N, C-alpha and C. Protein backbone atom coordinates (compact mmCIF):
# COMPACT_ATOMS: atom_id res chain seq x y z
N MET A 1 5.68 45.55 59.64
CA MET A 1 4.87 44.49 59.05
C MET A 1 5.64 43.88 57.89
N THR A 2 5.71 42.56 57.84
CA THR A 2 6.47 41.91 56.78
C THR A 2 5.67 41.85 55.49
N ALA A 3 6.38 41.62 54.41
CA ALA A 3 5.72 41.50 53.11
C ALA A 3 4.78 40.30 53.11
N ARG A 4 5.18 39.21 53.79
CA ARG A 4 4.34 38.00 53.82
C ARG A 4 3.01 38.30 54.51
N LYS A 5 3.06 39.00 55.64
CA LYS A 5 1.83 39.33 56.36
C LYS A 5 0.95 40.24 55.52
N THR A 6 1.57 41.24 54.92
CA THR A 6 0.81 42.15 54.07
C THR A 6 0.16 41.38 52.93
N SER A 7 0.89 40.46 52.32
CA SER A 7 0.34 39.68 51.23
C SER A 7 -0.83 38.84 51.69
N LEU A 8 -0.74 38.21 52.86
CA LEU A 8 -1.85 37.40 53.36
C LEU A 8 -3.06 38.28 53.64
N ILE A 9 -2.85 39.42 54.26
CA ILE A 9 -3.97 40.33 54.51
C ILE A 9 -4.62 40.75 53.19
N ASP A 10 -3.82 41.03 52.18
CA ASP A 10 -4.36 41.40 50.87
C ASP A 10 -5.17 40.26 50.26
N LEU A 11 -4.64 39.03 50.33
CA LEU A 11 -5.34 37.88 49.78
C LEU A 11 -6.66 37.63 50.51
N LEU A 12 -6.63 37.74 51.83
CA LEU A 12 -7.85 37.56 52.62
C LEU A 12 -8.88 38.64 52.28
N SER A 13 -8.42 39.84 52.06
CA SER A 13 -9.31 40.94 51.69
C SER A 13 -9.96 40.67 50.33
N GLU A 14 -9.18 40.19 49.38
CA GLU A 14 -9.74 39.84 48.08
C GLU A 14 -10.78 38.74 48.21
N PHE A 15 -10.48 37.75 49.04
CA PHE A 15 -11.42 36.65 49.25
C PHE A 15 -12.75 37.15 49.79
N THR A 16 -12.69 38.06 50.77
CA THR A 16 -13.94 38.55 51.38
C THR A 16 -14.82 39.29 50.38
N LYS A 17 -14.22 39.84 49.35
CA LYS A 17 -15.00 40.52 48.31
C LYS A 17 -15.75 39.54 47.42
N GLU A 18 -15.26 38.31 47.32
CA GLU A 18 -15.87 37.30 46.46
C GLU A 18 -16.80 36.35 47.21
N ALA A 19 -16.56 36.17 48.50
CA ALA A 19 -17.31 35.20 49.29
C ALA A 19 -18.55 35.83 49.92
N PRO A 20 -19.51 35.01 50.31
CA PRO A 20 -20.64 35.53 51.07
C PRO A 20 -20.16 36.12 52.40
N PRO A 21 -20.96 36.93 53.07
CA PRO A 21 -20.54 37.50 54.36
C PRO A 21 -20.11 36.40 55.33
N LEU A 22 -19.07 36.68 56.11
CA LEU A 22 -18.47 35.69 56.98
C LEU A 22 -18.79 35.87 58.46
N ALA A 23 -19.53 36.90 58.82
CA ALA A 23 -19.83 37.15 60.24
C ALA A 23 -20.52 35.93 60.84
N GLY A 24 -19.94 35.42 61.92
CA GLY A 24 -20.48 34.27 62.62
C GLY A 24 -20.23 32.94 61.94
N LYS A 25 -19.55 32.94 60.82
CA LYS A 25 -19.28 31.72 60.06
C LYS A 25 -17.96 31.09 60.52
N LEU A 26 -17.81 29.80 60.22
CA LEU A 26 -16.60 29.06 60.57
C LEU A 26 -15.63 29.10 59.40
N PHE A 27 -14.38 29.51 59.68
CA PHE A 27 -13.35 29.65 58.65
C PHE A 27 -12.17 28.77 59.04
N VAL A 28 -11.91 27.73 58.25
CA VAL A 28 -10.82 26.80 58.54
C VAL A 28 -9.52 27.29 57.89
N VAL A 29 -8.45 27.21 58.66
CA VAL A 29 -7.12 27.60 58.20
C VAL A 29 -6.24 26.36 58.19
N GLY A 30 -5.78 26.00 57.03
CA GLY A 30 -4.76 24.97 56.89
C GLY A 30 -3.51 25.67 56.41
N ALA A 31 -2.42 25.58 57.15
CA ALA A 31 -1.23 26.34 56.76
C ALA A 31 0.03 25.57 57.09
N SER A 32 0.84 25.32 56.08
CA SER A 32 2.16 24.73 56.27
C SER A 32 3.19 25.85 56.32
N THR A 33 3.70 26.12 57.50
CA THR A 33 4.76 27.15 57.60
C THR A 33 6.02 26.67 56.91
N SER A 34 6.22 25.37 56.83
CA SER A 34 7.37 24.82 56.09
C SER A 34 7.30 25.25 54.63
N GLU A 35 6.13 25.07 54.02
CA GLU A 35 5.95 25.41 52.60
C GLU A 35 6.08 26.92 52.38
N VAL A 36 5.50 27.72 53.28
CA VAL A 36 5.60 29.18 53.14
C VAL A 36 7.08 29.59 53.13
N GLY A 37 7.88 28.96 53.99
CA GLY A 37 9.29 29.29 54.08
C GLY A 37 10.17 28.66 53.02
N GLY A 38 9.59 27.88 52.12
CA GLY A 38 10.38 27.30 51.03
C GLY A 38 10.81 25.86 51.28
N GLY A 39 10.35 25.27 52.37
CA GLY A 39 10.71 23.89 52.68
C GLY A 39 9.62 22.92 52.25
N ARG A 40 9.83 21.67 52.61
CA ARG A 40 8.86 20.61 52.31
C ARG A 40 7.87 20.50 53.47
N ILE A 41 6.62 20.33 53.15
CA ILE A 41 5.57 20.27 54.16
C ILE A 41 5.94 19.29 55.28
N GLY A 42 5.78 19.78 56.52
CA GLY A 42 6.05 18.95 57.69
C GLY A 42 7.50 18.80 58.07
N LYS A 43 8.40 19.48 57.39
CA LYS A 43 9.84 19.26 57.64
C LYS A 43 10.56 20.46 58.24
N GLN A 44 10.05 21.68 58.05
CA GLN A 44 10.76 22.87 58.52
C GLN A 44 9.80 23.89 59.10
N GLY A 45 8.94 23.44 60.01
CA GLY A 45 7.98 24.34 60.62
C GLY A 45 8.65 25.53 61.27
N SER A 46 7.97 26.66 61.24
CA SER A 46 8.55 27.90 61.75
C SER A 46 7.56 28.64 62.64
N GLU A 47 7.94 28.83 63.89
CA GLU A 47 7.10 29.60 64.81
C GLU A 47 7.04 31.07 64.37
N LYS A 48 8.13 31.56 63.81
CA LYS A 48 8.15 32.95 63.34
C LYS A 48 7.14 33.17 62.22
N ILE A 49 7.11 32.26 61.26
CA ILE A 49 6.13 32.37 60.17
C ILE A 49 4.72 32.19 60.73
N ALA A 50 4.55 31.22 61.63
CA ALA A 50 3.23 31.00 62.25
C ALA A 50 2.74 32.27 62.93
N ALA A 51 3.63 32.97 63.62
CA ALA A 51 3.24 34.21 64.31
C ALA A 51 2.77 35.26 63.32
N GLU A 52 3.48 35.41 62.22
CA GLU A 52 3.08 36.39 61.20
C GLU A 52 1.71 36.05 60.62
N LEU A 53 1.52 34.79 60.29
CA LEU A 53 0.25 34.36 59.71
C LEU A 53 -0.88 34.51 60.73
N TYR A 54 -0.63 34.11 61.95
CA TYR A 54 -1.65 34.19 63.00
C TYR A 54 -2.12 35.63 63.19
N ASP A 55 -1.19 36.58 63.23
CA ASP A 55 -1.57 37.98 63.36
C ASP A 55 -2.48 38.42 62.22
N ALA A 56 -2.17 37.99 61.01
CA ALA A 56 -3.01 38.35 59.86
C ALA A 56 -4.39 37.70 59.98
N PHE A 57 -4.45 36.45 60.44
CA PHE A 57 -5.75 35.79 60.59
C PHE A 57 -6.59 36.42 61.70
N VAL A 58 -5.96 36.83 62.78
CA VAL A 58 -6.70 37.51 63.84
C VAL A 58 -7.26 38.83 63.32
N HIS A 59 -6.48 39.56 62.56
CA HIS A 59 -6.95 40.81 61.93
C HIS A 59 -8.16 40.51 61.03
N PHE A 60 -8.05 39.49 60.22
CA PHE A 60 -9.13 39.06 59.32
C PHE A 60 -10.38 38.71 60.12
N SER A 61 -10.22 37.98 61.20
CA SER A 61 -11.35 37.58 62.04
C SER A 61 -12.05 38.80 62.63
N LYS A 62 -11.27 39.75 63.11
CA LYS A 62 -11.86 40.97 63.67
C LYS A 62 -12.59 41.78 62.61
N GLU A 63 -12.05 41.82 61.40
CA GLU A 63 -12.65 42.58 60.31
C GLU A 63 -13.94 41.94 59.80
N THR A 64 -13.98 40.62 59.77
CA THR A 64 -15.11 39.92 59.14
C THR A 64 -16.10 39.31 60.12
N GLY A 65 -15.67 39.06 61.34
CA GLY A 65 -16.52 38.36 62.30
C GLY A 65 -16.47 36.85 62.15
N ALA A 66 -15.59 36.34 61.29
CA ALA A 66 -15.45 34.89 61.09
C ALA A 66 -14.79 34.25 62.30
N HIS A 67 -15.21 33.02 62.62
CA HIS A 67 -14.58 32.25 63.70
C HIS A 67 -13.50 31.37 63.09
N LEU A 68 -12.30 31.45 63.64
CA LEU A 68 -11.15 30.73 63.10
C LEU A 68 -11.01 29.34 63.70
N LEU A 69 -10.70 28.38 62.85
CA LEU A 69 -10.35 27.02 63.25
C LEU A 69 -9.05 26.69 62.53
N PHE A 70 -8.03 26.28 63.27
CA PHE A 70 -6.72 26.00 62.70
C PHE A 70 -6.51 24.49 62.61
N GLN A 71 -6.30 24.00 61.40
CA GLN A 71 -6.16 22.58 61.17
C GLN A 71 -4.77 22.09 61.54
N CYS A 72 -4.73 21.00 62.27
CA CYS A 72 -3.47 20.32 62.58
C CYS A 72 -3.03 19.47 61.39
N CYS A 73 -1.83 18.94 61.46
CA CYS A 73 -1.34 18.06 60.41
C CYS A 73 -1.90 16.64 60.61
N GLU A 74 -1.51 15.75 59.73
CA GLU A 74 -2.05 14.39 59.76
C GLU A 74 -1.65 13.61 61.00
N HIS A 75 -0.59 14.03 61.71
CA HIS A 75 -0.19 13.33 62.93
C HIS A 75 -1.24 13.44 64.03
N LEU A 76 -2.10 14.46 63.94
CA LEU A 76 -3.24 14.59 64.85
C LEU A 76 -4.56 14.45 64.07
N ASN A 77 -4.49 13.71 62.97
CA ASN A 77 -5.67 13.41 62.14
C ASN A 77 -6.38 14.66 61.65
N ARG A 78 -5.63 15.72 61.43
CA ARG A 78 -6.15 16.99 60.94
C ARG A 78 -7.25 17.56 61.85
N ALA A 79 -7.11 17.30 63.15
CA ALA A 79 -8.01 17.90 64.13
C ALA A 79 -7.89 19.42 64.04
N LEU A 80 -8.78 20.13 64.72
CA LEU A 80 -8.86 21.58 64.60
C LEU A 80 -8.71 22.26 65.96
N VAL A 81 -7.95 23.34 65.98
CA VAL A 81 -7.83 24.19 67.16
C VAL A 81 -8.89 25.27 67.03
N VAL A 82 -9.70 25.42 68.10
CA VAL A 82 -10.79 26.39 68.07
C VAL A 82 -11.03 26.88 69.49
N GLU A 83 -11.60 28.04 69.61
CA GLU A 83 -11.96 28.55 70.93
C GLU A 83 -13.04 27.64 71.54
N ARG A 84 -12.91 27.35 72.82
CA ARG A 84 -13.83 26.46 73.52
C ARG A 84 -15.30 26.91 73.35
N ALA A 85 -15.57 28.20 73.45
CA ALA A 85 -16.95 28.70 73.34
C ALA A 85 -17.54 28.37 71.97
N ILE A 86 -16.75 28.48 70.93
CA ILE A 86 -17.23 28.15 69.58
C ILE A 86 -17.47 26.65 69.47
N ALA A 87 -16.55 25.86 70.02
CA ALA A 87 -16.70 24.39 70.00
C ALA A 87 -17.98 23.97 70.71
N HIS A 88 -18.23 24.56 71.86
CA HIS A 88 -19.45 24.21 72.62
C HIS A 88 -20.71 24.67 71.90
N ALA A 89 -20.67 25.87 71.34
CA ALA A 89 -21.83 26.40 70.64
C ALA A 89 -22.22 25.53 69.44
N HIS A 90 -21.24 24.90 68.81
CA HIS A 90 -21.48 24.07 67.64
C HIS A 90 -21.53 22.58 67.96
N ARG A 91 -21.41 22.28 69.26
CA ARG A 91 -21.47 20.90 69.73
C ARG A 91 -20.43 20.01 69.05
N PHE A 92 -19.21 20.55 68.89
CA PHE A 92 -18.13 19.78 68.32
C PHE A 92 -17.62 18.76 69.33
N THR A 93 -17.08 17.66 68.84
CA THR A 93 -16.50 16.63 69.70
C THR A 93 -15.06 17.01 70.02
N GLU A 94 -14.81 17.26 71.29
CA GLU A 94 -13.47 17.62 71.74
C GLU A 94 -12.61 16.36 71.82
N VAL A 95 -11.33 16.49 71.48
CA VAL A 95 -10.39 15.38 71.58
C VAL A 95 -9.26 15.77 72.52
N ALA A 96 -8.62 14.77 73.11
CA ALA A 96 -7.61 15.00 74.13
C ALA A 96 -6.21 14.96 73.50
N ALA A 97 -5.79 16.09 73.01
CA ALA A 97 -4.44 16.26 72.49
C ALA A 97 -4.12 17.75 72.50
N VAL A 98 -2.84 18.04 72.49
CA VAL A 98 -2.36 19.41 72.39
C VAL A 98 -1.38 19.45 71.22
N PRO A 99 -1.63 20.28 70.22
CA PRO A 99 -0.71 20.33 69.09
C PRO A 99 0.63 20.96 69.47
N VAL A 100 1.68 20.36 68.96
CA VAL A 100 3.04 20.89 69.08
C VAL A 100 3.62 20.91 67.67
N PRO A 101 4.68 21.65 67.44
CA PRO A 101 5.18 21.76 66.06
C PRO A 101 5.43 20.42 65.34
N ARG A 102 5.92 19.41 66.03
CA ARG A 102 6.22 18.14 65.37
C ARG A 102 5.03 17.17 65.35
N ALA A 103 3.96 17.49 66.02
CA ALA A 103 2.75 16.68 65.99
C ALA A 103 1.56 17.63 66.09
N GLY A 104 1.17 18.12 64.95
CA GLY A 104 0.09 19.10 64.89
C GLY A 104 0.44 20.22 63.93
N GLY A 105 1.72 20.56 63.90
CA GLY A 105 2.19 21.61 63.00
C GLY A 105 2.42 22.92 63.72
N ALA A 106 3.35 23.70 63.19
CA ALA A 106 3.73 24.96 63.81
C ALA A 106 2.56 25.94 63.88
N MET A 107 1.73 25.98 62.83
CA MET A 107 0.62 26.94 62.81
C MET A 107 -0.41 26.59 63.88
N ALA A 108 -0.84 25.33 63.93
CA ALA A 108 -1.83 24.91 64.92
C ALA A 108 -1.28 25.04 66.33
N ALA A 109 -0.01 24.69 66.52
CA ALA A 109 0.61 24.80 67.84
C ALA A 109 0.66 26.26 68.29
N TYR A 110 1.00 27.16 67.36
CA TYR A 110 1.06 28.58 67.70
C TYR A 110 -0.34 29.10 68.05
N ALA A 111 -1.33 28.72 67.25
CA ALA A 111 -2.71 29.15 67.52
C ALA A 111 -3.16 28.65 68.89
N TYR A 112 -2.85 27.41 69.20
CA TYR A 112 -3.26 26.82 70.49
C TYR A 112 -2.68 27.62 71.65
N LYS A 113 -1.43 28.05 71.52
CA LYS A 113 -0.77 28.80 72.59
C LYS A 113 -1.28 30.23 72.70
N HIS A 114 -1.87 30.77 71.64
CA HIS A 114 -2.23 32.18 71.64
C HIS A 114 -3.73 32.47 71.65
N MET A 115 -4.55 31.47 71.53
CA MET A 115 -5.99 31.69 71.66
C MET A 115 -6.33 31.84 73.14
N GLN A 116 -7.50 32.40 73.43
CA GLN A 116 -7.89 32.64 74.82
C GLN A 116 -8.16 31.35 75.58
N ASP A 117 -8.96 30.46 75.01
CA ASP A 117 -9.34 29.21 75.68
C ASP A 117 -9.50 28.12 74.62
N PRO A 118 -8.38 27.65 74.06
CA PRO A 118 -8.46 26.72 72.93
C PRO A 118 -8.76 25.28 73.34
N VAL A 119 -9.39 24.58 72.44
CA VAL A 119 -9.57 23.13 72.54
C VAL A 119 -9.28 22.55 71.16
N LEU A 120 -9.10 21.26 71.15
CA LEU A 120 -8.93 20.53 69.89
C LEU A 120 -10.21 19.76 69.63
N VAL A 121 -10.73 19.87 68.42
CA VAL A 121 -11.92 19.13 68.04
C VAL A 121 -11.60 18.25 66.85
N GLU A 122 -12.37 17.21 66.75
CA GLU A 122 -12.09 16.20 65.73
C GLU A 122 -12.53 16.61 64.33
N GLN A 123 -13.66 17.27 64.23
CA GLN A 123 -14.26 17.54 62.92
C GLN A 123 -15.13 18.78 62.99
N ALA A 124 -15.22 19.48 61.88
CA ALA A 124 -16.15 20.61 61.77
C ALA A 124 -16.59 20.73 60.33
N ASP A 125 -17.76 21.27 60.14
CA ASP A 125 -18.26 21.58 58.80
C ASP A 125 -18.18 23.09 58.64
N CYS A 126 -17.08 23.55 58.08
CA CYS A 126 -16.81 24.98 57.98
C CYS A 126 -17.45 25.59 56.74
N ASP A 127 -17.70 26.88 56.84
CA ASP A 127 -18.35 27.63 55.78
C ASP A 127 -17.38 28.13 54.72
N ALA A 128 -16.11 28.26 55.09
CA ALA A 128 -15.10 28.77 54.17
C ALA A 128 -13.72 28.42 54.73
N GLY A 129 -12.70 28.65 53.90
CA GLY A 129 -11.36 28.39 54.40
C GLY A 129 -10.27 28.75 53.43
N ILE A 130 -9.07 28.63 53.93
CA ILE A 130 -7.85 28.86 53.15
C ILE A 130 -6.93 27.67 53.37
N ASP A 131 -6.29 27.25 52.29
CA ASP A 131 -5.33 26.16 52.33
C ASP A 131 -4.00 26.73 51.84
N ILE A 132 -3.04 26.81 52.75
CA ILE A 132 -1.71 27.33 52.42
C ILE A 132 -0.73 26.18 52.48
N GLY A 133 -0.24 25.76 51.32
CA GLY A 133 0.75 24.69 51.27
C GLY A 133 0.15 23.32 51.05
N ASP A 134 -1.04 23.25 50.47
CA ASP A 134 -1.70 21.99 50.14
C ASP A 134 -1.85 21.08 51.35
N THR A 135 -2.50 21.61 52.38
CA THR A 135 -2.73 20.88 53.62
C THR A 135 -4.04 20.11 53.61
N PHE A 136 -4.83 20.25 52.57
CA PHE A 136 -6.08 19.51 52.36
C PHE A 136 -7.14 19.78 53.42
N ILE A 137 -7.69 21.00 53.37
CA ILE A 137 -8.75 21.41 54.30
C ILE A 137 -10.12 20.89 53.91
N GLY A 138 -10.23 20.28 52.75
CA GLY A 138 -11.54 19.89 52.22
C GLY A 138 -12.38 19.05 53.15
N MET A 139 -11.74 18.23 53.99
CA MET A 139 -12.50 17.39 54.91
C MET A 139 -13.27 18.20 55.95
N HIS A 140 -12.90 19.49 56.09
CA HIS A 140 -13.56 20.34 57.07
C HIS A 140 -14.47 21.40 56.44
N LEU A 141 -14.71 21.31 55.14
CA LEU A 141 -15.63 22.24 54.47
C LEU A 141 -16.97 21.57 54.24
N LYS A 142 -18.03 22.35 54.41
CA LYS A 142 -19.36 21.85 54.08
C LYS A 142 -19.43 21.60 52.58
N PRO A 143 -20.25 20.63 52.18
CA PRO A 143 -20.51 20.55 50.73
C PRO A 143 -21.45 21.69 50.40
N VAL A 144 -21.40 22.35 49.36
CA VAL A 144 -20.59 22.21 48.19
C VAL A 144 -19.51 23.30 48.25
N ALA A 145 -18.25 22.92 48.07
CA ALA A 145 -17.16 23.89 48.13
C ALA A 145 -17.05 24.64 46.80
N VAL A 146 -16.94 25.95 46.89
CA VAL A 146 -16.82 26.81 45.72
C VAL A 146 -15.43 27.45 45.76
N PRO A 147 -14.55 27.12 44.80
CA PRO A 147 -13.21 27.73 44.81
C PRO A 147 -13.30 29.21 44.48
N VAL A 148 -12.41 29.97 45.09
CA VAL A 148 -12.33 31.41 44.82
C VAL A 148 -10.92 31.73 44.36
N ARG A 149 -10.82 32.35 43.22
CA ARG A 149 -9.53 32.75 42.67
C ARG A 149 -9.23 34.18 43.13
N VAL A 150 -8.03 34.38 43.64
CA VAL A 150 -7.56 35.71 44.00
C VAL A 150 -6.37 36.02 43.12
N SER A 151 -5.81 37.21 43.25
CA SER A 151 -4.78 37.67 42.32
C SER A 151 -3.47 36.88 42.39
N ALA A 152 -3.21 36.21 43.50
CA ALA A 152 -1.99 35.41 43.63
C ALA A 152 -2.37 34.03 44.15
N ASN A 153 -1.67 33.01 43.66
CA ASN A 153 -1.97 31.67 44.14
C ASN A 153 -0.83 31.10 44.99
N SER A 154 -0.02 32.02 45.54
CA SER A 154 1.04 31.57 46.44
C SER A 154 1.28 32.60 47.53
N LEU A 155 1.83 32.10 48.62
CA LEU A 155 2.23 32.93 49.76
C LEU A 155 3.61 32.43 50.15
N GLY A 156 4.61 33.26 50.02
CA GLY A 156 5.98 32.75 50.14
C GLY A 156 6.16 31.71 49.06
N SER A 157 6.58 30.50 49.44
CA SER A 157 6.75 29.42 48.47
C SER A 157 5.57 28.45 48.47
N ALA A 158 4.52 28.74 49.21
CA ALA A 158 3.39 27.82 49.35
C ALA A 158 2.26 28.13 48.38
N HIS A 159 1.68 27.09 47.83
CA HIS A 159 0.49 27.20 47.01
C HIS A 159 -0.70 27.57 47.91
N VAL A 160 -1.56 28.48 47.45
CA VAL A 160 -2.70 28.94 48.25
C VAL A 160 -3.99 28.77 47.46
N THR A 161 -5.00 28.23 48.14
CA THR A 161 -6.34 28.16 47.58
C THR A 161 -7.36 28.61 48.62
N PHE A 162 -8.45 29.18 48.15
CA PHE A 162 -9.56 29.60 49.00
C PHE A 162 -10.82 28.88 48.53
N ALA A 163 -11.76 28.72 49.44
CA ALA A 163 -13.07 28.20 49.07
C ALA A 163 -14.10 28.66 50.09
N TYR A 164 -15.33 28.76 49.63
CA TYR A 164 -16.46 28.91 50.54
C TYR A 164 -17.46 27.84 50.16
N SER A 165 -18.43 27.60 51.01
CA SER A 165 -19.42 26.58 50.69
C SER A 165 -20.77 27.22 50.47
N ARG A 166 -21.56 26.55 49.69
CA ARG A 166 -22.93 26.99 49.43
C ARG A 166 -23.85 25.81 49.67
N PRO A 167 -25.13 26.07 49.92
CA PRO A 167 -26.07 24.96 50.10
C PRO A 167 -26.15 24.11 48.82
N LYS A 168 -26.42 22.83 48.99
CA LYS A 168 -26.63 21.95 47.84
C LYS A 168 -27.88 22.40 47.10
N LEU A 169 -27.84 22.34 45.79
CA LEU A 169 -29.01 22.61 44.97
C LEU A 169 -29.72 21.27 44.77
N ILE A 170 -30.85 21.11 45.39
CA ILE A 170 -31.57 19.84 45.30
C ILE A 170 -32.81 20.01 44.45
N GLY A 171 -33.34 18.93 43.98
CA GLY A 171 -34.55 18.99 43.17
C GLY A 171 -34.24 18.62 41.75
N GLY A 172 -35.16 18.86 40.90
CA GLY A 172 -35.02 18.55 39.49
C GLY A 172 -35.23 19.77 38.64
N GLU A 173 -35.69 19.53 37.41
CA GLU A 173 -35.84 20.64 36.48
C GLU A 173 -36.93 21.62 36.89
N ARG A 174 -37.85 21.21 37.77
CA ARG A 174 -38.90 22.12 38.24
C ARG A 174 -38.51 22.88 39.50
N ALA A 175 -37.38 22.54 40.08
CA ALA A 175 -36.94 23.19 41.33
C ALA A 175 -36.60 24.65 41.09
N ARG A 176 -36.84 25.46 42.11
CA ARG A 176 -36.48 26.88 42.10
C ARG A 176 -35.59 27.11 43.31
N TYR A 177 -34.70 28.07 43.21
CA TYR A 177 -33.74 28.30 44.28
C TYR A 177 -33.88 29.66 44.95
N SER A 178 -34.86 30.42 44.52
CA SER A 178 -35.22 31.67 45.21
C SER A 178 -36.65 32.00 44.83
N LEU A 179 -37.28 32.89 45.58
CA LEU A 179 -38.64 33.30 45.27
C LEU A 179 -38.70 34.15 44.01
N LYS A 180 -37.56 34.65 43.56
CA LYS A 180 -37.51 35.48 42.36
C LYS A 180 -37.55 34.65 41.08
N ASP A 181 -37.27 33.33 41.18
CA ASP A 181 -37.28 32.45 40.01
C ASP A 181 -38.66 32.29 39.43
């Protein structure tokens, strides 16, 4: 096991301690393998790095019960790779494209090749996610996104951020948000 994979597993473990339970929830992964490897986003994608990250995410999914969605790059409008059953269950709009390293990104392309029955969907409102290399996953998070700080803010050479979403607090000064209030 590489140090990078171990570090990602550790960061994901820290995140799960801070976030609400993830079983059955949608978890978006935005990952620039170029940035992890020390390159510029979109310029030096690596299948080897994608494989290491993918293994860690699959482990995370099995441990938490979270459903993984892998974000493509802007060349595919940041569409998401997801298992067909999850896409159908959530009534996502499927799009006709297949991610490849130069149009979709190495991470999304690797996920597409290694999932059981992947499809590409245009949009999702995810419950939580990780952004590795400033890939801008925010468009796929439900409002309101809550940032989570973990012990390290980088993976390899890439900047890393986590977030989960919570329901909007609506109402005014008389509103209550639990029966205990």
